[in-house]
Amino acid sequence: MSHTAPSPRAARVTLAVLTAINLLNYLDRYVVPPIAPDLKSAMALSDAQLGWLVPAFMLVYTLTAPVFGAWGDRGSRTRPIAIGIFIWSLATVLSGLARTYPQLLAGRALVGIGEAAYVAIAPALLADCFPAGSRGRVYAVLNMAIPVGSALGYVLGGLIGQHLGWRAAFLIAGAPGMLLAFAVLWLPDPPRGSQDGTVAAPAAARTASPLAVYLALMRRSPYGVIVLGYAAYTFALGGLAFWMPTFLERTRGVPPAEATTGFGAIVIVTGFVGTFIGGWLSDYFLRYSRQAYLWVSGVATLAAAPFALLALTAPAATLYYPGIVLAELLLFMSTGPINAAIVNTVSARERASAIALSMFAIHLLGDVPSPVLIGHLSDASSLGNAVLIVPVAIAIGGVVWLAAARLSARTPPTASA
């Protein structure tokens, strides 16, 4: 671990490497859907068995995040990130070598362990590479890799699977990460709090157990309020991502190919553009308000609710497609600033734990239950009625974040030590 803050050049290199890894992270997640028909045929799988490949990953990912969060606050951060990347990349390669369904399922579950290490710790490392006033843009750049990586997963998975087979898709998706894992070991690991004017106490001086840290975070405001808003936001995004193509096909009569590719194209463009705009705007307004990250997230998310309602109720394509575009654009504007708000709300020695706990909560309360709940509501009524829960969740997320901004204004800044 280095003893000083990294140079601006070293910080930019760190951001570039971690962003490239994030792109591979989401490429790996989304390489499965386009090769699912080949997997089904090759292994004689049922749809239920195919369906478990994603929950197996997500369950392990969610449950192991707090373990890596505690590790990331107590020692080297580059080492567990590198180990995590190597594990998930190796697991992807092993998925390509699987001969049976249990082997394939185990490979996808193991991917969750590796990705949890990276996602929990990387933002905390970046917080000590860049000043607090630039973190909205930093996390925007990091998260702009999400729509690009997701799209590449669909495209490359489909192309490679078509021409070289599903095994090659896993092998090619996994191999680059094994190389990048070693590159992480060369990145700087500055002292915690080095960009905040103070340096956190060394790991050996801490007495609080990981469980005590997590319990303290859950009881603390405005952190807990921010995470609750994030869960509502993730509930809405998860529901849209899973059901929107089906909704367009079933309720609006859009051809299946157009529903999937059209919505996918909207997500890629709005994800890239919205994430960039949100990061830039939140850093700009930070000069006027310490709570700018929460204000931008809250206002943008609340503004997305009526457009989401329009997208889900308008009968004409000339209305619902613009509604989808504007809703997704506004929703993605929160990606950078809300993560910056989380790391700026807690002390430097708690950041990996705070990010890990938020990951655990937003998935457990958000995009894990939302597709299932919408499905049950659809069975009881109709899909057109069921998806109307999404604008409600969006509005709740926006209101909760605005409340968190008001609460944060009355709370003294968190010390980094």
Foldseek 3Di string as FASTA:
>chain_A
DDAAADDLVLLVVLLVLLLVLLLLLLLLLQLLVLCVVVVCVLAVDDVVLSVVLNVLLLVLLLVQLLVLLQVLLQDFLLQLLLVLLQQLLVLLLQLLVDDHSVSVSVSSNSNSNSVSNSQLRSLLQSPSNDALLQQLQSLLSSQLSNLVSNVNSNVLSNVCCVPPNNSVSSNVSRVVSNVSSVVSVPRDRYFQCNNPPDGDDHNVPDDDDSVNLLVVQCPDPPLVLLLVLLLLLQQLVLQCVVCQLVCCCPVQVDPSVCSVVVLSVLLSVLLNQLSNVLSVQLSVCCVVPVLSLLLLQLVLLLVLLVLCVQLLPPNDPVTNVVSSNSSSNSSSSNRRSSLSVQQFQEASSNRSSSSSSSSSRSVVSHNVCNNVQLVVVCVVPRNSVSSNVSSVSSNSSSVSSVVSSVVVVVDDGYYRD
